[in-house]
Every structure is written in C-alpha cells, then in structure tokens.
Amino acid sequence: MLAALGTSVLWSFSSVLFTIGGKAKSPAAVNRTRILVALVIISLLHLAVLGSILPRASPSEWGYLVLSGVIGLAIGDALLFAAFIRIGPRLSMLIMALAPVVTTSVAWVIFDEKLPYLKVLSIVVALGGTAWVILERRRANDAFKTDATGLLLGFGGMMGQAVGLLLSKVVLDDGFDTLSATYIRMIGGALSLWIFTFIISKNLEPFKDFTQWKFMCLILVASIVGPVLGIWSSMVAIAYAPLGIASTLMSLAPILTIPLAYFAFKERVSWRAVLGTVVALIGVAGLFPVSYTHLRAH
C-alpha cells in the first residue's frame, strides 16, 4: 500500500514536470524522449538488481506485458501528455483517476459480472464529481482552458492506463517479478512509439531533442520520477496488494496535483473544483474490492 501511495506522489510530480516539458517542446517530443531515457535507466537497473540485461519470461508473459506497454505507455501516455498541455495536469489527473470506473464497468457490461447497487452508486458519484469539476467555467486568464479536444485526450489516456493495468495484472498475479514487468512494458512502449516516429518523420530529426541539454535535464528528472520509479512502484502495488486498494491509493494523484499546479502554473483552484475532486475520489474508492478473476478467465 505504501508503494501505491508513493505512486500517486510520483505521478503528481511527473505530471507537472512533463507539462512544463510539453510547453517547451511538444507532447510528442516529450513522450518519445522520456520513454527512451526511461528504457535505458530501467535496463541498467534490471542488470544491477537481477543480473540480466533482458527479462526472463515466457512468450505469453512477453505478449501480455508488451501489449500493456503499447496501450498504456505509448498510446495512453501520448494522449495524456497532449491533455496536459490543453487542460492542465490537475484536470488530466482527475480524469485518469476514473480508470477503476472503466475496469469495473467492463467487467459488468462485457463479462456479465454482477455489480451490487452500492457499486453502481459509486460509479455515479465518481462520474458526477468529475463532471462537476469539468463543467466549471474557467476564468479568461487561467493557465489552462477546458475544451472538448482536451477532455477527449484525457479520457483516451485514462482508457490506455486502465487496459494497461488489467493486462499487467494477468502476469503479476502469477508471481512475475515487478521490475522485469516494468522493463518489458517499457520495451513494448518504446519500440512501438519510435517505430511510429520513424514512419512519420522518415528522418533523424526526432534525435535532435537529445542535443538540447535543458530539455534533456528536465526529461531525465521527470523520467526517473514517473516512468521508472512511478511505474515500478505501481507494479509493486498491484502485485502485493488487491488491485482495488492499490488503484484507489494510486488515484489520489489529482488531490496531490492541486497544490503543485497552483505553485507551478499559478492555476487558480476553486472550492468547487476541490470538492468535486474529493467527491469523485470517494466514488472511485467505493468501487472496491472488485473481483478480477472473471476478467482473467477471458
């Protein structure tokens, strides 16, 4: 549970750092650069801790974790970083906190899992609290605006995280090493993202980002805080604690991001926004414990 709480703290700081980086360059540049930097760090960490440069895993374990990395780290994070720039880290992280609502709803609708009335009420409360924050009109001089595109990007990033966690949980439930799981997810995310980058750019232009030392210093710190320590601690959390409890503690990031967004971007936060965030997180917490055994059977 400490790992889950630590994940919230790390993700809060990394969201602010990546927003600063995205404003300086672009969300795409931040995403592709930080995932390659994180992959190098995690590979050296894996070698130092476990004594091997590549993780030892079965083909099915590689398949689940690589797919988790592609969906969660490449696609999901690309959408999330774009949302950071448009609607800010505070609102983006609030939307990300709805990932447990999605996983619970998937089990209910697609896999025909029975959902008690209390959990249905929790979903309504979580969505209501989030909607209350989203519908608040921001001032003309606020650091960020709330628009449909930014909200769609945020919800897309949240969906990527939800699916990525579910795919990782399938492997981690069998006792797979958390550092190796983080490493394989990073491999899947980095390979897919850079292959796509080369297809789009058709040149070495993206590598010029690595020559800008101020940008790289920011990305290095943010990568250690977020993709390396943050994702590793999230893997530890869902491996050693029930996914419901872990997800609830990891969803505290929106609360922690409120003061950070104020000091970093002078983003004004109303009592309505704070109260709506708390209500949304109460709804998320009410969803647990949730059974994922039926999901794994499929």
Protein backbone atom coordinates (compact mmCIF):
# COMPACT_ATOMS: atom_id res chain seq x y z
CA MET A 1 0.00 0.00 0.00
CA LEU A 2 2.96 2.33 0.62
CA ALA A 3 4.02 1.63 -2.97
CA ALA A 4 0.56 2.65 -4.23
CA LEU A 5 0.62 5.87 -2.21
CA GLY A 6 4.16 6.56 -3.42
CA THR A 7 2.93 6.09 -6.99
CA SER A 8 0.41 8.90 -6.51
CA VAL A 9 3.12 11.23 -5.22
CA LEU A 10 5.50 10.37 -8.06
CA TRP A 11 2.83 10.69 -10.75
CA SER A 12 1.74 14.06 -9.35
CA PHE A 13 5.26 15.49 -9.64
CA SER A 14 5.92 13.87 -13.02
CA SER A 15 2.66 15.27 -14.47
CA VAL A 16 3.79 18.80 -13.63
CA LEU A 17 7.31 18.21 -14.98
CA PHE A 18 6.02 16.70 -18.23
CA THR A 19 3.57 19.60 -18.66
CA ILE A 20 6.49 22.04 -18.39
CA GLY A 21 8.43 19.98 -20.93
CA GLY A 22 5.44 19.77 -23.27
CA LYS A 23 5.05 23.55 -23.22
CA ALA A 24 8.74 23.96 -24.09
CA LYS A 25 8.74 21.44 -26.95
CA SER A 26 5.66 19.34 -27.79
CA PRO A 27 3.74 16.45 -26.17
CA ALA A 28 5.01 14.05 -28.84
CA ALA A 29 8.64 15.08 -28.27
CA VAL A 30 8.25 14.67 -24.51
CA ASN A 31 6.64 11.25 -24.82
CA ARG A 32 9.14 9.69 -27.22
CA THR A 33 12.17 11.19 -25.44
CA ARG A 34 11.16 10.28 -21.89
CA ILE A 35 10.27 6.67 -22.78
CA LEU A 36 13.68 6.08 -24.42
CA VAL A 37 15.50 7.68 -21.48
CA ALA A 38 13.41 5.60 -19.06
CA LEU A 39 14.15 2.41 -21.03
CA VAL A 40 17.92 2.97 -20.74
CA ILE A 41 17.63 3.63 -16.99
CA ILE A 42 15.39 0.65 -16.34
CA SER A 43 17.66 -1.68 -18.37
CA LEU A 44 20.68 -0.68 -16.26
CA LEU A 45 18.62 -1.06 -13.10
CA HIS A 46 17.47 -4.51 -14.21
CA LEU A 47 21.07 -5.55 -14.88
CA ALA A 48 22.23 -4.27 -11.49
CA VAL A 49 19.40 -5.79 -9.46
CA LEU A 50 18.62 -9.04 -11.30
CA GLY A 51 21.89 -9.64 -13.14
CA SER A 52 20.47 -9.89 -16.66
CA ILE A 53 20.16 -7.39 -19.49
CA LEU A 54 16.88 -8.93 -20.69
CA PRO A 55 13.98 -10.22 -18.56
CA ARG A 56 13.32 -13.95 -18.39
CA ALA A 57 9.70 -14.50 -19.35
CA SER A 58 7.52 -16.90 -21.30
CA PRO A 59 6.11 -15.90 -24.71
CA SER A 60 2.67 -15.32 -23.19
CA GLU A 61 4.13 -13.11 -20.44
CA TRP A 62 6.04 -11.12 -23.03
CA GLY A 63 2.87 -10.81 -25.08
CA TYR A 64 0.70 -9.50 -22.25
CA LEU A 65 3.31 -7.05 -20.96
CA VAL A 66 4.42 -5.74 -24.36
CA LEU A 67 0.78 -5.14 -25.28
CA SER A 68 0.30 -3.44 -21.92
CA GLY A 69 3.24 -1.15 -22.72
CA VAL A 70 1.97 -0.33 -26.20
CA ILE A 71 -1.53 0.53 -24.99
CA GLY A 72 -0.63 2.12 -21.66
CA LEU A 73 2.76 3.78 -22.21
CA ALA A 74 2.82 4.59 -25.94
CA ILE A 75 -0.79 5.31 -26.87
CA GLY A 76 -2.25 6.17 -23.46
CA ASP A 77 0.59 8.44 -22.35
CA ALA A 78 0.75 10.17 -25.75
CA LEU A 79 -2.89 11.18 -25.30
CA LEU A 80 -2.31 12.10 -21.66
CA PHE A 81 0.63 14.41 -22.42
CA ALA A 82 -1.41 16.18 -25.08
CA ALA A 83 -4.17 16.61 -22.47
CA PHE A 84 -1.64 18.10 -20.01
CA ILE A 85 -1.00 20.96 -22.44
CA ARG A 86 -4.65 21.67 -23.26
CA ILE A 87 -6.47 21.23 -19.94
CA GLY A 88 -3.60 21.10 -17.43
CA PRO A 89 -2.20 18.36 -15.17
CA ARG A 90 -4.81 18.82 -12.42
CA LEU A 91 -7.87 18.07 -14.56
CA SER A 92 -6.00 15.47 -16.62
CA MET A 93 -5.04 13.53 -13.48
CA LEU A 94 -8.63 13.72 -12.23
CA ILE A 95 -9.82 12.09 -15.44
CA MET A 96 -7.05 9.47 -15.09
CA ALA A 97 -8.46 8.60 -11.66
CA LEU A 98 -11.56 7.23 -13.40
CA ALA A 99 -9.61 4.19 -14.68
CA PRO A 100 -11.11 1.91 -11.98
CA VAL A 101 -14.59 3.01 -13.08
CA VAL A 102 -13.79 1.77 -16.59
CA THR A 103 -12.39 -1.59 -15.46
CA THR A 104 -15.39 -2.17 -13.20
CA SER A 105 -17.83 -1.22 -15.94
CA VAL A 106 -16.07 -3.51 -18.44
CA ALA A 107 -16.43 -6.45 -16.06
CA TRP A 108 -20.10 -5.56 -15.57
CA VAL A 109 -21.15 -4.94 -19.18
CA ILE A 110 -18.91 -7.22 -21.26
CA PHE A 111 -18.17 -10.08 -18.88
CA ASP A 112 -21.59 -10.07 -17.19
CA GLU A 113 -20.18 -9.68 -13.69
CA LYS A 114 -22.82 -8.90 -11.09
CA LEU A 115 -22.45 -5.40 -9.69
CA PRO A 116 -24.10 -4.53 -6.34
CA TYR A 117 -26.24 -1.39 -6.18
CA LEU A 118 -23.65 0.26 -3.91
CA LYS A 119 -21.00 -0.02 -6.63
CA VAL A 120 -23.40 1.33 -9.25
CA LEU A 121 -23.97 4.28 -6.92
CA SER A 122 -20.18 4.67 -6.55
CA ILE A 123 -19.81 4.87 -10.34
CA VAL A 124 -22.50 7.56 -10.48
CA VAL A 125 -20.81 9.51 -7.66
CA ALA A 126 -17.37 9.29 -9.32
CA LEU A 127 -18.70 10.41 -12.69
CA GLY A 128 -20.82 13.13 -11.07
CA GLY A 129 -17.91 14.59 -9.12
CA THR A 130 -15.72 14.58 -12.22
CA ALA A 131 -18.45 16.18 -14.34
CA TRP A 132 -18.93 18.89 -11.71
CA VAL A 133 -15.24 19.83 -11.97
CA ILE A 134 -15.18 19.63 -15.77
CA LEU A 135 -18.26 21.82 -16.20
CA GLU A 136 -16.87 24.60 -14.04
CA ARG A 137 -16.21 27.66 -16.18
CA ARG A 138 -12.59 28.72 -16.07
CA ARG A 139 -11.57 32.38 -16.00
CA ALA A 140 -10.24 34.05 -19.13
CA ASN A 141 -6.79 34.49 -17.58
CA ASP A 142 -6.47 30.92 -16.26
CA ALA A 143 -3.35 28.97 -17.25
CA PHE A 144 -5.40 26.26 -18.98
CA LYS A 145 -8.76 26.05 -20.76
CA THR A 146 -11.31 23.25 -20.73
CA ASP A 147 -12.29 22.16 -24.23
CA ALA A 148 -13.77 19.07 -25.86
CA THR A 149 -10.48 18.06 -27.51
CA GLY A 150 -8.54 18.25 -24.26
CA LEU A 151 -11.20 16.23 -22.42
CA LEU A 152 -11.23 13.54 -25.14
CA LEU A 153 -7.43 13.33 -24.95
CA GLY A 154 -7.65 12.93 -21.17
CA PHE A 155 -10.28 10.20 -21.41
CA GLY A 156 -8.21 8.43 -24.08
CA GLY A 157 -5.17 8.45 -21.80
CA MET A 158 -7.29 7.11 -18.95
CA MET A 159 -8.56 4.24 -21.10
CA GLY A 160 -4.98 3.35 -22.01
CA GLN A 161 -3.98 3.21 -18.35
CA ALA A 162 -6.99 1.06 -17.43
CA VAL A 163 -6.32 -1.51 -20.14
CA GLY A 164 -2.58 -1.49 -19.42
CA LEU A 165 -3.15 -2.24 -15.71
CA LEU A 166 -5.51 -5.10 -16.48
CA LEU A 167 -3.04 -6.72 -18.90
CA SER A 168 -0.19 -6.34 -16.39
CA LYS A 169 -2.28 -7.80 -13.57
CA VAL A 170 -2.76 -11.03 -15.52
CA VAL A 171 1.02 -11.64 -15.44
CA LEU A 172 1.76 -10.23 -11.99
CA ASP A 173 -0.88 -12.43 -10.37
CA ASP A 174 1.33 -15.42 -11.23
CA GLY A 175 4.25 -14.04 -9.20
CA PHE A 176 6.19 -12.42 -12.05
CA ASP A 177 8.94 -10.03 -10.95
CA THR A 178 7.74 -6.42 -10.82
CA LEU A 179 10.98 -4.88 -12.13
CA SER A 180 11.01 -7.26 -15.10
CA ALA A 181 7.36 -6.46 -15.76
CA THR A 182 8.15 -2.74 -15.77
CA TYR A 183 11.09 -3.34 -18.12
CA ILE A 184 9.07 -5.37 -20.63
CA ARG A 185 6.25 -2.81 -20.61
CA MET A 186 8.84 -0.11 -21.29
CA ILE A 187 10.30 -2.14 -24.18
CA GLY A 188 6.87 -2.51 -25.76
CA GLY A 189 6.03 1.16 -25.34
CA ALA A 190 9.40 2.45 -26.57
CA LEU A 191 9.63 0.18 -29.63
CA SER A 192 6.11 0.93 -30.82
CA LEU A 193 6.46 4.67 -30.24
CA TRP A 194 9.80 5.03 -32.01
CA ILE A 195 8.80 2.81 -34.94
CA PHE A 196 5.78 5.06 -35.40
CA THR A 197 8.01 8.14 -35.07
CA PHE A 198 10.34 6.96 -37.84
CA ILE A 199 7.41 6.09 -40.09
CA ILE A 200 6.00 9.60 -39.67
CA SER A 201 9.23 11.61 -39.75
CA LYS A 202 11.26 9.45 -42.21
CA ASN A 203 14.48 11.07 -40.90
CA LEU A 204 16.59 11.50 -37.77
CA GLU A 205 15.01 14.84 -36.83
CA PRO A 206 13.50 13.48 -33.55
CA PHE A 207 17.01 12.73 -32.22
CA LYS A 208 17.82 16.47 -32.19
CA ASP A 209 15.83 16.70 -28.97
CA PHE A 210 18.65 14.80 -27.24
CA THR A 211 21.11 17.62 -28.00
CA GLN A 212 19.16 20.26 -26.05
CA TRP A 213 20.57 19.91 -22.56
CA LYS A 214 17.97 21.99 -20.67
CA PHE A 215 15.15 19.96 -22.15
CA MET A 216 17.05 16.72 -21.51
CA CYS A 217 17.75 17.59 -17.86
CA LEU A 218 14.02 18.13 -17.33
CA ILE A 219 13.16 14.89 -19.15
CA LEU A 220 15.80 12.95 -17.18
CA VAL A 221 14.37 14.02 -13.83
CA ALA A 222 10.77 13.52 -14.97
CA SER A 223 11.60 10.09 -16.43
CA ILE A 224 13.17 8.89 -13.18
CA VAL A 225 10.23 10.21 -11.16
CA GLY A 226 7.47 8.97 -13.48
CA PRO A 227 8.21 6.14 -15.94
CA VAL A 228 10.93 4.47 -13.81
CA LEU A 229 10.05 4.88 -10.11
CA GLY A 230 6.35 5.63 -10.68
CA ILE A 231 5.59 2.69 -12.96
CA TRP A 232 7.79 0.32 -10.97
CA SER A 233 6.03 1.26 -7.74
CA SER A 234 2.65 0.80 -9.45
CA MET A 235 3.70 -2.72 -10.49
CA VAL A 236 4.79 -3.45 -6.89
CA ALA A 237 1.47 -2.09 -5.62
CA ILE A 238 -0.75 -4.24 -7.83
CA ALA A 239 1.46 -7.29 -7.26
CA TYR A 240 1.37 -7.21 -3.45
CA ALA A 241 -1.98 -5.55 -2.73
CA PRO A 242 -5.50 -6.13 -4.03
CA LEU A 243 -5.90 -4.20 -7.28
CA GLY A 244 -8.85 -2.30 -5.84
CA ILE A 245 -6.93 -0.96 -2.84
CA ALA A 246 -3.85 -0.24 -4.94
CA SER A 247 -5.86 1.58 -7.62
CA THR A 248 -7.67 3.64 -5.00
CA LEU A 249 -4.43 4.84 -3.41
CA MET A 250 -2.86 5.46 -6.82
CA SER A 251 -5.88 7.57 -7.76
CA LEU A 252 -5.03 10.16 -5.08
CA ALA A 253 -2.78 11.93 -7.59
CA PRO A 254 -5.45 14.55 -8.51
CA ILE A 255 -5.59 15.75 -4.89
CA LEU A 256 -1.80 15.97 -4.69
CA THR A 257 -1.61 17.76 -8.05
CA ILE A 258 -3.83 20.65 -6.88
CA PRO A 259 -1.12 22.49 -4.85
CA LEU A 260 1.57 21.57 -7.38
CA ALA A 261 -0.45 23.04 -10.26
CA TYR A 262 -1.02 26.21 -8.25
CA PHE A 263 2.68 26.78 -7.50
CA ALA A 264 3.95 25.65 -10.94
CA PHE A 265 1.38 27.32 -13.21
CA LYS A 266 -0.48 29.72 -10.87
CA GLU A 267 -3.62 27.74 -11.72
CA ARG A 268 -6.47 29.04 -9.60
CA VAL A 269 -8.44 26.26 -7.93
CA SER A 270 -11.92 26.95 -6.60
CA TRP A 271 -13.57 25.22 -3.68
CA ARG A 272 -15.96 23.68 -6.20
CA ALA A 273 -13.02 22.04 -8.01
CA VAL A 274 -11.55 20.72 -4.76
CA LEU A 275 -14.90 19.42 -3.52
CA GLY A 276 -15.72 17.85 -6.89
CA THR A 277 -12.34 16.09 -6.92
CA VAL A 278 -12.89 14.72 -3.41
CA VAL A 279 -16.40 13.51 -4.34
CA ALA A 280 -15.06 11.80 -7.47
CA LEU A 281 -12.35 10.00 -5.49
CA ILE A 282 -14.89 8.90 -2.86
CA GLY A 283 -16.87 7.34 -5.69
CA VAL A 284 -13.75 5.59 -7.02
CA ALA A 285 -12.91 4.28 -3.54
CA GLY A 286 -16.43 2.88 -3.18
CA LEU A 287 -15.87 0.53 -6.13
CA PHE A 288 -13.52 -1.74 -4.22
CA PRO A 289 -12.86 -4.53 -3.61
CA VAL A 290 -13.54 -5.64 -7.19
CA SER A 291 -13.01 -9.18 -8.42
CA TYR A 292 -10.78 -9.57 -11.48
CA THR A 293 -10.83 -13.34 -11.59
CA HIS A 294 -13.58 -13.33 -14.20
CA LEU A 295 -11.58 -10.92 -16.35
CA ARG A 296 -8.57 -13.25 -16.25
CA ALA A 297 -10.68 -16.23 -17.24
CA HIS A 298 -11.37 -14.47 -20.52
